[in-house]
Amino acid sequence: MQINVISDVHFRTDGLSAADRDADLFVCLGDLILFLDYDDPSEGIFANLFGATNSARYIELRRQFRFDEARSFSRELFEAIGADPWKSISEQVASQYSQLFAAMPGGLMTYGNVDLPALWPDYARPDHKVVDGETVEIDGLRIGFVGGGLQTPYRTPFEISDEDFQRKVDRLGEVDVLFAHIPPAVPEICYDVVARRLERGSRALLRFIEEVQPKYALHGHVHQPLANRTTIGRTQVINVGHFRSLGEPYRLIVD
């Protein structure tokens, strides 16, 4: 079986409709929307609302871990234009989701940490099956999914508590392949060499992999990892890559 997997789409629509080419199964691990583009401050929702200069300033504050200042700066910008933050951002997200889901191949999907799950039903097609904290069986292959991220100072939209994340992991049971948006808590696959920070991985996923030993565990989230794969016991752990940069899926062949 060939499984084509993408993650961290971040509003890249070109190439998206072809991401299932030659695949028996297509999987998307979330982070569909683009709020900020750290490589190009002129792109993304924040830049659409406030321009590239303000976006670059906001990004720099976050890069320096000055989160309170960044949030204060954002509030001032919204107040200056007399706009409600949630309404303004939701309208932008809706526009992105409309285009993304229209281009997305049919298959299995789960949420990323910057996604808004409440809006997905408005745009997902009948051939988009959203799976989170569940296991599905396809042609005898048991596949588990855990979406979203853990709480961080970045406060992205779909960060959940360690306890809620653990409950999703606990619902999986035995699987042959594990899909999650974030990686297990292993330093070399959690460290982003360009952002120069350690992204938050999951200890619950790490324990699950150690105990269950699925053949494969695939994730996204870390855009430029120090290591894009490792092994945990018999399990091959693989970062499927940053689709916004690559424009190509990761192709997993499962015997």
Protein backbone atom coordinates (compact mmCIF):
# COMPACT_ATOMS: atom_id res chain seq x y z
CA MET A 1 0.00 0.00 0.00
CA GLN A 2 1.26 3.50 -0.85
CA ILE A 3 0.17 6.24 1.55
CA ASN A 4 0.82 9.84 0.46
CA VAL A 5 1.13 12.07 3.55
CA ILE A 6 1.32 15.85 3.87
CA SER A 7 1.47 18.22 6.83
CA ASP A 8 1.90 21.95 7.43
CA VAL A 9 0.17 23.05 4.25
CA HIS A 10 -0.07 26.66 5.47
CA PHE A 11 -2.23 27.83 2.58
CA ARG A 12 -0.18 26.35 -0.24
CA THR A 13 -2.84 25.37 -2.76
CA ASP A 14 -0.68 24.76 -5.83
CA GLY A 15 0.23 21.10 -6.04
CA LEU A 16 -2.31 20.21 -3.37
CA SER A 17 -4.84 18.57 -5.68
CA ALA A 18 -2.10 16.29 -7.04
CA ALA A 19 -0.77 15.25 -3.62
CA ASP A 20 -2.61 11.93 -3.82
CA ARG A 21 -1.05 10.92 -7.15
CA ASP A 22 -0.40 7.15 -7.39
CA ALA A 23 -1.54 6.69 -3.77
CA ASP A 24 -3.81 4.03 -2.34
CA LEU A 25 -4.53 6.36 0.56
CA PHE A 26 -4.06 10.11 1.12
CA VAL A 27 -3.46 11.55 4.62
CA CYS A 28 -3.19 15.17 5.78
CA LEU A 29 -1.81 15.94 9.24
CA GLY A 30 -3.11 19.48 9.50
CA ASP A 31 -1.90 23.05 9.87
CA LEU A 32 -3.83 24.19 6.84
CA ILE A 33 -4.00 27.92 7.46
CA LEU A 34 -1.25 30.52 7.24
CA PHE A 35 -1.45 33.12 9.99
CA LEU A 36 2.19 34.24 9.90
CA ASP A 37 4.93 33.45 7.40
CA TYR A 38 8.25 33.66 9.23
CA ASP A 39 10.12 33.48 5.91
CA ASP A 40 8.04 36.13 4.13
CA PRO A 41 6.28 38.63 6.44
CA SER A 42 4.18 39.88 3.52
CA GLU A 43 2.26 36.58 3.48
CA GLY A 44 -0.42 35.31 5.83
CA ILE A 45 -3.48 36.54 7.66
CA PHE A 46 -1.65 39.02 9.91
CA ALA A 47 0.00 40.66 6.89
CA ASN A 48 -3.34 40.79 5.05
CA LEU A 49 -4.82 42.70 7.96
CA PHE A 50 -1.93 44.98 8.94
CA GLY A 51 0.72 44.93 6.21
CA ALA A 52 4.18 43.43 5.90
CA THR A 53 5.94 45.94 8.18
CA ASN A 54 3.66 45.26 11.13
CA SER A 55 3.80 41.54 10.41
CA ALA A 56 7.60 41.60 10.48
CA ARG A 57 7.52 43.44 13.81
CA TYR A 58 5.07 40.94 15.29
CA ILE A 59 7.17 38.00 14.08
CA GLU A 60 10.35 39.47 15.56
CA LEU A 61 8.71 39.91 18.98
CA ARG A 62 7.64 36.27 18.92
CA ARG A 63 11.08 35.13 17.79
CA GLN A 64 12.53 36.92 20.81
CA PHE A 65 9.94 35.19 23.06
CA ARG A 66 8.47 38.59 23.98
CA PHE A 67 4.95 37.19 23.87
CA ASP A 68 3.25 39.75 26.12
CA GLU A 69 4.63 42.57 23.97
CA ALA A 70 3.52 40.77 20.81
CA ARG A 71 -0.03 40.36 22.12
CA SER A 72 -0.13 44.00 23.22
CA PHE A 73 1.11 45.09 19.79
CA SER A 74 -1.60 42.99 18.11
CA ARG A 75 -4.33 44.46 20.32
CA GLU A 76 -3.18 48.00 19.46
CA LEU A 77 -3.37 47.23 15.75
CA PHE A 78 -6.90 45.85 15.99
CA GLU A 79 -8.00 48.83 18.09
CA ALA A 80 -6.50 51.22 15.54
CA ILE A 81 -8.71 49.84 12.78
CA GLY A 82 -11.71 49.38 15.08
CA ALA A 83 -12.02 45.68 14.29
CA ASP A 84 -12.97 42.71 16.42
CA PRO A 85 -9.96 40.33 16.39
CA TRP A 86 -11.90 37.07 16.34
CA LYS A 87 -14.30 38.22 13.62
CA SER A 88 -11.50 39.59 11.44
CA ILE A 89 -9.33 36.50 11.78
CA SER A 90 -12.26 34.10 11.30
CA GLU A 91 -13.18 35.76 8.02
CA GLN A 92 -9.61 35.35 6.79
CA VAL A 93 -9.47 31.73 7.95
CA ALA A 94 -12.78 31.01 6.23
CA SER A 95 -11.40 32.34 2.94
CA GLN A 96 -8.32 30.13 3.24
CA TYR A 97 -10.30 27.03 4.23
CA SER A 98 -12.67 27.51 1.31
CA GLN A 99 -9.78 27.32 -1.14
CA LEU A 100 -7.83 24.63 0.71
CA PHE A 101 -10.64 22.13 1.14
CA ALA A 102 -11.70 22.63 -2.48
CA ALA A 103 -8.19 21.59 -3.60
CA MET A 104 -7.58 18.91 -0.95
CA PRO A 105 -7.72 15.31 -2.22
CA GLY A 106 -10.15 12.96 -0.55
CA GLY A 107 -8.70 10.91 2.29
CA LEU A 108 -8.05 10.93 6.02
CA MET A 109 -7.32 14.18 7.85
CA THR A 110 -6.50 15.37 11.35
CA TYR A 111 -5.97 18.79 12.89
CA GLY A 112 -2.78 20.77 13.35
CA ASN A 113 -2.08 23.13 16.23
CA VAL A 114 -2.89 26.24 14.17
CA ASP A 115 -6.18 24.91 12.82
CA LEU A 116 -9.71 25.84 13.90
CA PRO A 117 -11.56 22.49 14.16
CA ALA A 118 -14.94 24.18 14.67
CA LEU A 119 -14.81 25.55 11.12
CA TRP A 120 -13.83 22.32 9.33
CA PRO A 121 -17.39 20.93 8.96
CA ASP A 122 -18.31 24.01 6.91
CA TYR A 123 -15.72 23.18 4.25
CA ALA A 124 -14.83 19.47 4.42
CA ARG A 125 -16.31 17.37 1.62
CA PRO A 126 -17.93 13.94 2.14
CA ASP A 127 -14.68 12.30 0.96
CA HIS A 128 -12.69 14.08 3.69
CA LYS A 129 -12.78 11.85 6.78
CA VAL A 130 -11.55 13.74 9.85
CA VAL A 131 -10.02 11.43 12.47
CA ASP A 132 -8.69 12.51 15.89
CA GLY A 133 -8.09 10.22 18.85
CA GLU A 134 -9.40 7.29 16.82
CA THR A 135 -8.19 4.24 14.94
CA VAL A 136 -9.43 3.22 11.50
CA GLU A 137 -8.79 -0.02 9.63
CA ILE A 138 -8.11 -0.06 5.91
CA ASP A 139 -7.33 -3.28 4.08
CA GLY A 140 -6.33 -4.89 7.37
CA LEU A 141 -4.03 -2.00 8.34
CA ARG A 142 -4.83 -0.37 11.70
CA ILE A 143 -4.10 3.36 11.56
CA GLY A 144 -4.27 5.69 14.58
CA PHE A 145 -4.61 9.48 14.56
CA VAL A 146 -3.88 12.14 17.17
CA GLY A 147 -4.41 15.75 16.08
CA GLY A 148 -3.59 19.15 17.54
CA GLY A 149 -0.71 20.34 19.67
CA LEU A 150 0.23 20.88 23.31
CA GLN A 151 0.07 24.15 25.19
CA THR A 152 2.94 26.58 24.55
CA PRO A 153 3.61 30.31 25.00
CA TYR A 154 2.64 30.77 21.33
CA ARG A 155 -1.01 30.05 22.16
CA THR A 156 -1.90 28.71 18.74
CA PRO A 157 -5.61 27.92 18.25
CA PHE A 158 -5.69 24.15 18.76
CA GLU A 159 -3.37 23.60 21.69
CA ILE A 160 -4.79 21.30 24.33
CA SER A 161 -3.75 20.21 27.81
CA ASP A 162 -1.41 17.28 28.36
CA GLU A 163 -4.31 15.45 30.03
CA ASP A 164 -6.66 15.89 27.06
CA PHE A 165 -3.92 14.86 24.65
CA GLN A 166 -3.20 11.78 26.78
CA ARG A 167 -6.88 10.81 26.66
CA LYS A 168 -6.80 10.85 22.86
CA VAL A 169 -3.69 8.66 22.82
CA ASP A 170 -5.29 6.25 25.30
CA ARG A 171 -8.24 5.67 22.95
CA LEU A 172 -6.08 4.28 20.14
CA GLY A 173 -5.22 0.73 21.15
CA GLU A 174 -2.97 -1.38 18.93
CA VAL A 175 -1.99 0.24 15.61
CA ASP A 176 0.30 -0.58 12.72
CA VAL A 177 0.78 3.06 11.72
CA LEU A 178 0.51 6.12 13.99
CA PHE A 179 -0.21 9.56 12.54
CA ALA A 180 0.05 12.71 14.70
CA HIS A 181 0.55 16.36 13.94
CA ILE A 182 3.26 16.82 16.57
CA PRO A 183 6.23 14.49 17.13
CA PRO A 184 6.97 12.35 20.15
CA ALA A 185 9.21 14.08 22.72
CA VAL A 186 12.59 13.19 21.24
CA PRO A 187 14.97 16.20 21.11
CA GLU A 188 16.57 15.63 17.70
CA ILE A 189 13.22 15.45 15.89
CA CYS A 190 11.71 18.34 17.88
CA TYR A 191 14.49 20.88 17.31
CA ASP A 192 13.98 23.30 14.40
CA VAL A 193 17.39 24.33 13.07
CA VAL A 194 16.12 27.44 11.25
CA ALA A 195 13.81 28.76 13.97
CA ARG A 196 16.50 27.70 16.49
CA ARG A 197 14.02 26.43 19.01
CA LEU A 198 12.85 23.17 20.48
CA GLU A 199 9.25 22.58 19.47
CA ARG A 200 7.11 20.82 22.03
CA GLY A 201 6.79 17.09 21.43
CA SER A 202 4.52 14.69 23.26
CA ARG A 203 5.62 12.38 26.06
CA ALA A 204 2.31 10.56 25.69
CA LEU A 205 3.14 9.73 22.08
CA LEU A 206 6.64 8.65 23.08
CA ARG A 207 5.31 6.26 25.73
CA PHE A 208 2.71 4.92 23.32
CA ILE A 209 5.33 4.19 20.66
CA GLU A 210 7.63 2.54 23.22
CA GLU A 211 4.84 0.28 24.45
CA VAL A 212 2.87 -0.49 21.27
CA GLN A 213 5.75 -0.41 18.77
CA PRO A 214 3.80 0.42 15.59
CA LYS A 215 5.78 -0.17 12.43
CA TYR A 216 5.67 3.53 11.55
CA ALA A 217 4.94 6.79 13.39
CA LEU A 218 4.60 9.84 11.14
CA HIS A 219 4.24 13.49 12.10
CA GLY A 220 4.74 17.06 10.89
CA HIS A 221 4.86 20.33 12.88
CA VAL A 222 8.66 20.83 12.95
CA HIS A 223 9.39 22.56 9.66
CA GLN A 224 13.20 22.19 9.53
CA PRO A 225 14.07 19.41 11.99
CA LEU A 226 17.59 18.55 13.12
CA ALA A 227 16.69 14.97 12.19
CA ASN A 228 13.78 14.10 9.94
CA ARG A 229 13.64 10.50 11.13
CA THR A 230 14.69 8.28 14.01
CA THR A 231 13.82 4.92 15.50
CA ILE A 232 12.18 4.10 18.81
CA GLY A 233 12.64 0.40 19.36
CA ARG A 234 11.31 -1.19 16.16
CA THR A 235 9.28 1.88 15.17
CA GLN A 236 10.43 4.13 12.34
CA VAL A 237 9.56 7.72 13.27
CA ILE A 238 9.34 10.04 10.26
CA ASN A 239 8.73 13.76 9.75
CA VAL A 240 6.70 13.95 6.53
CA GLY A 241 8.02 17.41 5.67
CA HIS A 242 6.80 20.99 5.36
CA PHE A 243 4.34 20.96 2.45
CA ARG A 244 4.36 24.74 2.10
CA SER A 245 8.07 24.56 1.25
CA LEU A 246 8.17 21.24 -0.59
CA GLY A 247 4.89 21.08 -2.47
CA GLU A 248 5.21 17.29 -2.47
CA PRO A 249 3.82 14.54 -0.23
CA TYR A 250 5.85 12.00 1.70
CA ARG A 251 5.25 8.58 0.16
CA LEU A 252 5.07 5.73 2.66
CA ILE A 253 5.09 2.19 1.31
CA VAL A 254 3.58 -0.30 3.74
CA ASP A 255 3.90 -4.00 2.99
